[in-house]
Amino acid sequence: MVTPPPAHPLGPGLTLVRSPKALARRTLDTVLVLGSTASEPVRLEGSATLLWALLAQPISIRDIIETLAEHFGVPQDQIRDDLVIPFERLMIVGALEVV
């Protein structure tokens, strides 16, 4: 019997938004995010700054992936895989909320 692969941690129907308790400061090419449970900020650079901008309003994972894939001209699967670590970091420190 073949075991199906595990579900991707970023389900397309999941909707996220920045936590109102998170503090963020933007510089020219970086966003520093201090979540409600963190003692040190998460540093977002490059394309992750666009991710943070998209999360200003509730948005589904599907819409984030589609927007970033179109913006950067790369396959959606690559974007989805690249987002796992930034999303995990932001969730762990309390910077995002599921809506």
C-alpha atoms as a PDB file:
ATOM      1  CA  MET A   1       0.000   0.000   0.000  1.00  0.00           C
ATOM      2  CA  VAL A   2       1.316   3.460  -0.925  1.00  0.00           C
ATOM      3  CA  THR A   3       1.178   6.102   1.783  1.00  0.00           C
ATOM      4  CA  PRO A   4       0.092   9.510   0.496  1.00  0.00           C
ATOM      5  CA  PRO A   5       2.457  12.407   1.125  1.00  0.00           C
ATOM      6  CA  PRO A   6       1.677  14.513   4.204  1.00  0.00           C
ATOM      7  CA  ALA A   7      -0.458  17.595   3.706  1.00  0.00           C
ATOM      8  CA  HIS A   8       1.509  20.753   3.067  1.00  0.00           C
ATOM      9  CA  PRO A   9       1.644  22.894   6.244  1.00  0.00           C
ATOM     10  CA  LEU A  10       0.340  25.882   4.293  1.00  0.00           C
ATOM     11  CA  GLY A  11      -3.193  24.855   3.428  1.00  0.00           C
ATOM     12  CA  PRO A  12      -4.542  27.032   0.594  1.00  0.00           C
ATOM     13  CA  GLY A  13      -7.756  27.876   2.450  1.00  0.00           C
ATOM     14  CA  LEU A  14      -5.988  29.149   5.560  1.00  0.00           C
ATOM     15  CA  THR A  15      -6.491  32.902   6.028  1.00  0.00           C
ATOM     16  CA  LEU A  16      -3.964  34.947   7.995  1.00  0.00           C
ATOM     17  CA  VAL A  17      -3.508  38.549   9.079  1.00  0.00           C
ATOM     18  CA  ARG A  18      -0.936  40.460  11.104  1.00  0.00           C
ATOM     19  CA  SER A  19      -1.611  40.349  14.820  1.00  0.00           C
ATOM     20  CA  PRO A  20      -2.613  43.744  16.223  1.00  0.00           C
ATOM     21  CA  LYS A  21      -0.209  42.962  19.091  1.00  0.00           C
ATOM     22  CA  ALA A  22       2.783  42.705  16.740  1.00  0.00           C
ATOM     23  CA  LEU A  23       5.081  45.685  16.392  1.00  0.00           C
ATOM     24  CA  ALA A  24       6.866  46.283  13.104  1.00  0.00           C
ATOM     25  CA  ARG A  25       9.423  48.784  11.860  1.00  0.00           C
ATOM     26  CA  ARG A  26      10.401  49.144   8.228  1.00  0.00           C
ATOM     27  CA  THR A  27      13.707  50.327   6.864  1.00  0.00           C
ATOM     28  CA  LEU A  28      14.618  50.673   3.211  1.00  0.00           C
ATOM     29  CA  ASP A  29      14.783  46.921   2.526  1.00  0.00           C
ATOM     30  CA  THR A  30      13.970  45.229   5.844  1.00  0.00           C
ATOM     31  CA  VAL A  31      11.032  44.810   8.187  1.00  0.00           C
ATOM     32  CA  LEU A  32      11.672  44.002  11.843  1.00  0.00           C
ATOM     33  CA  VAL A  33       8.679  42.300  13.492  1.00  0.00           C
ATOM     34  CA  LEU A  34       8.318  41.838  17.228  1.00  0.00           C
ATOM     35  CA  GLY A  35       5.526  39.398  17.953  1.00  0.00           C
ATOM     36  CA  SER A  36       3.534  39.326  21.159  1.00  0.00           C
ATOM     37  CA  THR A  37       5.469  36.323  22.514  1.00  0.00           C
ATOM     38  CA  ALA A  38       8.962  37.276  21.328  1.00  0.00           C
ATOM     39  CA  SER A  39      11.887  38.901  23.066  1.00  0.00           C
ATOM     40  CA  GLU A  40      13.787  39.415  19.803  1.00  0.00           C
ATOM     41  CA  PRO A  41      12.398  40.657  16.482  1.00  0.00           C
ATOM     42  CA  VAL A  42      12.072  38.569  13.344  1.00  0.00           C
ATOM     43  CA  ARG A  43      13.969  40.136  10.453  1.00  0.00           C
ATOM     44  CA  LEU A  44      12.192  40.032   7.095  1.00  0.00           C
ATOM     45  CA  GLU A  45      14.254  40.944   4.063  1.00  0.00           C
ATOM     46  CA  GLY A  46      13.811  40.976   0.307  1.00  0.00           C
ATOM     47  CA  SER A  47      10.636  39.280  -0.886  1.00  0.00           C
ATOM     48  CA  ALA A  48       9.503  38.662   2.700  1.00  0.00           C
ATOM     49  CA  THR A  49       8.843  42.405   3.049  1.00  0.00           C
ATOM     50  CA  LEU A  50       6.161  42.057   0.354  1.00  0.00           C
ATOM     51  CA  LEU A  51       4.728  39.127   2.308  1.00  0.00           C
ATOM     52  CA  TRP A  52       4.436  41.357   5.392  1.00  0.00           C
ATOM     53  CA  ALA A  53       2.706  44.047   3.315  1.00  0.00           C
ATOM     54  CA  LEU A  54       0.177  41.516   2.003  1.00  0.00           C
ATOM     55  CA  LEU A  55      -0.630  40.431   5.560  1.00  0.00           C
ATOM     56  CA  ALA A  56      -1.877  43.915   6.496  1.00  0.00           C
ATOM     57  CA  GLN A  57      -5.383  42.689   5.619  1.00  0.00           C
ATOM     58  CA  PRO A  58      -6.791  39.175   6.016  1.00  0.00           C
ATOM     59  CA  ILE A  59      -5.591  37.125   3.052  1.00  0.00           C
ATOM     60  CA  SER A  60      -5.661  33.447   2.170  1.00  0.00           C
ATOM     61  CA  ILE A  61      -2.529  31.425   1.640  1.00  0.00           C
ATOM     62  CA  ARG A  62      -3.795  30.769  -1.891  1.00  0.00           C
ATOM     63  CA  ASP A  63      -3.982  34.516  -2.648  1.00  0.00           C
ATOM     64  CA  ILE A  64      -0.549  35.161  -1.140  1.00  0.00           C
ATOM     65  CA  ILE A  65       1.007  32.400  -3.240  1.00  0.00           C
ATOM     66  CA  GLU A  66      -0.701  33.576  -6.435  1.00  0.00           C
ATOM     67  CA  THR A  67       0.311  37.203  -5.849  1.00  0.00           C
ATOM     68  CA  LEU A  68       3.946  36.420  -5.062  1.00  0.00           C
ATOM     69  CA  ALA A  69       4.281  33.915  -7.919  1.00  0.00           C
ATOM     70  CA  GLU A  70       2.954  36.467 -10.386  1.00  0.00           C
ATOM     71  CA  HIS A  71       5.086  39.278  -8.934  1.00  0.00           C
ATOM     72  CA  PHE A  72       8.335  37.297  -9.034  1.00  0.00           C
ATOM     73  CA  GLY A  73       7.556  35.154 -12.093  1.00  0.00           C
ATOM     74  CA  VAL A  74       8.195  31.825 -10.384  1.00  0.00           C
ATOM     75  CA  PRO A  75       6.072  28.662 -10.006  1.00  0.00           C
ATOM     76  CA  GLN A  76       3.476  28.649  -7.235  1.00  0.00           C
ATOM     77  CA  ASP A  77       4.922  25.424  -5.774  1.00  0.00           C
ATOM     78  CA  GLN A  78       8.265  27.155  -5.252  1.00  0.00           C
ATOM     79  CA  ILE A  79       6.607  30.129  -3.536  1.00  0.00           C
ATOM     80  CA  ARG A  80       4.572  27.820  -1.287  1.00  0.00           C
ATOM     81  CA  ASP A  81       7.671  25.900  -0.233  1.00  0.00           C
ATOM     82  CA  ASP A  82       9.663  29.118   0.316  1.00  0.00           C
ATOM     83  CA  LEU A  83       6.949  30.515   2.612  1.00  0.00           C
ATOM     84  CA  VAL A  84       6.974  27.703   5.169  1.00  0.00           C
ATOM     85  CA  ILE A  85       9.873  29.048   7.252  1.00  0.00           C
ATOM     86  CA  PRO A  86       8.823  32.732   7.314  1.00  0.00           C
ATOM     87  CA  PHE A  87       5.257  31.747   8.244  1.00  0.00           C
ATOM     88  CA  GLU A  88       6.464  29.403  10.985  1.00  0.00           C
ATOM     89  CA  ARG A  89       8.730  32.087  12.435  1.00  0.00           C
ATOM     90  CA  LEU A  90       5.972  34.721  12.384  1.00  0.00           C
ATOM     91  CA  MET A  91       3.420  32.340  13.922  1.00  0.00           C
ATOM     92  CA  ILE A  92       5.788  31.175  16.676  1.00  0.00           C
ATOM     93  CA  VAL A  93       6.458  34.741  17.833  1.00  0.00           C
ATOM     94  CA  GLY A  94       2.774  35.696  17.785  1.00  0.00           C
ATOM     95  CA  ALA A  95       2.982  38.075  14.823  1.00  0.00           C
ATOM     96  CA  LEU A  96       0.174  36.445  12.823  1.00  0.00           C
ATOM     97  CA  GLU A  97      -3.373  35.375  13.531  1.00  0.00           C
ATOM     98  CA  VAL A  98      -5.567  32.856  11.771  1.00  0.00           C
ATOM     99  CA  VAL A  99      -8.938  34.361  10.839  1.00  0.00           C
END
